[in-house]
Amino acid sequence: MPESWLMGLSFMGGALGDIIAMRLFNHKIRDWYFVWGLPVFVVLQTVLFLYLHAGGLF
């Protein structure tokens, strides 16, 4: 699977699962864009969820 697909799926909501799988299987743990990008995606997804939840949309 290309790395662009992994990052795209992470961006669309799978970042937390990707972090868990990355640590569990020791895969992609040296690529800076996975090490730093996935936690940023988790923060963005959390903020978006809280924003939508506060607005009564979710």
N, C-alpha and C. Protein backbone atom coordinates (compact mmCIF):
# COMPACT_ATOMS: atom_id res chain seq x y z
N MET A 1 0.86 -1.17 0.00
CA MET A 1 0.00 0.00 0.00
C MET A 1 0.90 1.24 0.00
N PRO A 2 0.67 2.19 -0.87
CA PRO A 2 1.50 3.39 -0.90
C PRO A 2 1.34 4.23 0.37
N GLU A 3 2.40 4.92 0.72
CA GLU A 3 2.37 5.75 1.92
C GLU A 3 1.33 6.86 1.81
N SER A 4 1.09 7.35 0.62
CA SER A 4 0.09 8.41 0.44
C SER A 4 -1.32 7.90 0.81
N TRP A 5 -1.59 6.63 0.53
CA TRP A 5 -2.88 6.04 0.92
C TRP A 5 -2.98 5.95 2.44
N LEU A 6 -1.90 5.53 3.08
CA LEU A 6 -1.92 5.42 4.54
C LEU A 6 -2.16 6.77 5.20
N MET A 7 -1.47 7.79 4.70
CA MET A 7 -1.65 9.13 5.27
C MET A 7 -3.06 9.66 4.97
N GLY A 8 -3.57 9.38 3.79
CA GLY A 8 -4.92 9.82 3.45
C GLY A 8 -5.98 9.18 4.32
N LEU A 9 -5.85 7.89 4.54
CA LEU A 9 -6.81 7.20 5.41
C LEU A 9 -6.68 7.66 6.86
N SER A 10 -5.47 7.97 7.26
CA SER A 10 -5.26 8.50 8.61
C SER A 10 -5.92 9.85 8.75
N PHE A 11 -5.78 10.68 7.73
CA PHE A 11 -6.37 12.01 7.76
C PHE A 11 -7.89 11.95 7.82
N MET A 12 -8.47 10.94 7.20
CA MET A 12 -9.93 10.82 7.16
C MET A 12 -10.51 10.15 8.39
N GLY A 13 -9.71 9.83 9.38
CA GLY A 13 -10.28 9.31 10.60
C GLY A 13 -9.58 8.12 11.22
N GLY A 14 -8.56 7.60 10.59
CA GLY A 14 -7.93 6.40 11.11
C GLY A 14 -6.60 6.63 11.79
N ALA A 15 -6.32 7.85 12.22
CA ALA A 15 -5.00 8.17 12.77
C ALA A 15 -4.71 7.40 14.06
N LEU A 16 -5.67 7.30 14.93
CA LEU A 16 -5.42 6.61 16.21
C LEU A 16 -5.14 5.13 15.98
N GLY A 17 -5.88 4.50 15.09
CA GLY A 17 -5.62 3.11 14.76
C GLY A 17 -4.27 2.92 14.09
N ASP A 18 -3.88 3.88 13.27
CA ASP A 18 -2.57 3.81 12.64
C ASP A 18 -1.44 3.94 13.65
N ILE A 19 -1.61 4.80 14.63
CA ILE A 19 -0.58 4.94 15.67
C ILE A 19 -0.44 3.64 16.45
N ILE A 20 -1.56 3.04 16.80
CA ILE A 20 -1.52 1.78 17.54
C ILE A 20 -0.85 0.69 16.70
N ALA A 21 -1.23 0.58 15.43
CA ALA A 21 -0.64 -0.44 14.55
C ALA A 21 0.85 -0.16 14.32
N MET A 22 1.21 1.11 14.19
CA MET A 22 2.60 1.47 13.97
C MET A 22 3.46 1.02 15.15
N ARG A 23 2.97 1.22 16.34
CA ARG A 23 3.72 0.81 17.54
C ARG A 23 3.70 -0.71 17.73
N LEU A 24 2.57 -1.32 17.45
CA LEU A 24 2.42 -2.75 17.65
C LEU A 24 3.31 -3.55 16.70
N PHE A 25 3.39 -3.13 15.45
CA PHE A 25 4.14 -3.86 14.44
C PHE A 25 5.51 -3.26 14.14
N ASN A 26 5.89 -2.19 14.84
CA ASN A 26 7.17 -1.50 14.61
C ASN A 26 7.39 -1.18 13.14
N HIS A 27 6.38 -0.65 12.52
CA HIS A 27 6.43 -0.32 11.10
C HIS A 27 6.23 1.18 10.93
N LYS A 28 7.05 1.80 10.13
CA LYS A 28 7.01 3.23 9.84
C LYS A 28 7.36 4.07 11.07
N ILE A 29 8.12 3.53 12.00
CA ILE A 29 8.44 4.27 13.22
C ILE A 29 9.62 5.22 13.04
N ARG A 30 10.26 5.19 11.88
CA ARG A 30 11.38 6.10 11.64
C ARG A 30 11.07 7.18 10.62
N ASP A 31 9.92 7.10 9.98
CA ASP A 31 9.52 8.12 9.01
C ASP A 31 8.93 9.31 9.77
N TRP A 32 9.59 10.46 9.64
CA TRP A 32 9.18 11.63 10.43
C TRP A 32 7.74 12.05 10.15
N TYR A 33 7.27 11.88 8.93
CA TYR A 33 5.92 12.32 8.62
C TYR A 33 4.86 11.42 9.23
N PHE A 34 5.21 10.19 9.57
CA PHE A 34 4.28 9.34 10.32
C PHE A 34 4.40 9.61 11.81
N VAL A 35 5.63 9.75 12.30
CA VAL A 35 5.85 9.97 13.74
C VAL A 35 5.23 11.29 14.19
N TRP A 36 5.33 12.34 13.38
CA TRP A 36 4.80 13.65 13.75
C TRP A 36 3.41 13.90 13.15
N GLY A 37 3.16 13.38 11.98
CA GLY A 37 1.90 13.66 11.30
C GLY A 37 0.69 12.99 11.92
N LEU A 38 0.83 11.75 12.33
CA LEU A 38 -0.32 11.03 12.89
C LEU A 38 -0.82 11.65 14.20
N PRO A 39 0.05 12.02 15.14
CA PRO A 39 -0.47 12.69 16.33
C PRO A 39 -1.15 14.03 16.01
N VAL A 40 -0.65 14.73 15.00
CA VAL A 40 -1.29 15.98 14.58
C VAL A 40 -2.70 15.68 14.05
N PHE A 41 -2.83 14.61 13.28
CA PHE A 41 -4.14 14.22 12.78
C PHE A 41 -5.10 13.87 13.92
N VAL A 42 -4.60 13.19 14.95
CA VAL A 42 -5.44 12.84 16.10
C VAL A 42 -5.95 14.12 16.78
N VAL A 43 -5.07 15.08 16.96
CA VAL A 43 -5.48 16.35 17.58
C VAL A 43 -6.51 17.06 16.71
N LEU A 44 -6.27 17.13 15.41
CA LEU A 44 -7.22 17.79 14.51
C LEU A 44 -8.58 17.09 14.51
N GLN A 45 -8.57 15.76 14.51
CA GLN A 45 -9.83 15.01 14.52
C GLN A 45 -10.57 15.20 15.84
N THR A 46 -9.84 15.28 16.94
CA THR A 46 -10.47 15.51 18.24
C THR A 46 -11.10 16.90 18.30
N VAL A 47 -10.37 17.90 17.84
CA VAL A 47 -10.89 19.27 17.82
C VAL A 47 -12.12 19.35 16.93
N LEU A 48 -12.07 18.74 15.77
CA LEU A 48 -13.23 18.75 14.87
C LEU A 48 -14.42 18.05 15.50
N PHE A 49 -14.19 16.92 16.14
CA PHE A 49 -15.29 16.21 16.81
C PHE A 49 -15.91 17.06 17.90
N LEU A 50 -15.07 17.68 18.74
CA LEU A 50 -15.60 18.51 19.82
C LEU A 50 -16.35 19.73 19.28
N TYR A 51 -15.85 20.31 18.22
CA TYR A 51 -16.53 21.45 17.60
C TYR A 51 -17.90 21.04 17.06
N LEU A 52 -17.96 19.92 16.36
CA LEU A 52 -19.24 19.45 15.83
C LEU A 52 -20.19 19.03 16.95
N HIS A 53 -19.64 18.43 17.98
CA HIS A 53 -20.47 17.99 19.11
C HIS A 53 -21.06 19.20 19.86
N ALA A 54 -20.26 20.24 20.03
CA ALA A 54 -20.72 21.43 20.72
C ALA A 54 -21.80 22.15 19.90
N GLY A 55 -21.73 22.03 18.59
CA GLY A 55 -22.71 22.65 17.72
C GLY A 55 -23.97 21.82 17.53
N GLY A 56 -24.01 20.65 18.13
CA GLY A 56 -25.18 19.79 18.04
C GLY A 56 -25.27 19.00 16.75
N LEU A 57 -24.20 18.97 15.98
CA LEU A 57 -24.23 18.27 14.71
C LEU A 57 -23.83 16.81 14.82
N PHE A 58 -23.18 16.46 15.93
CA PHE A 58 -22.67 15.11 16.05
C PHE A 58 -22.72 14.65 17.46
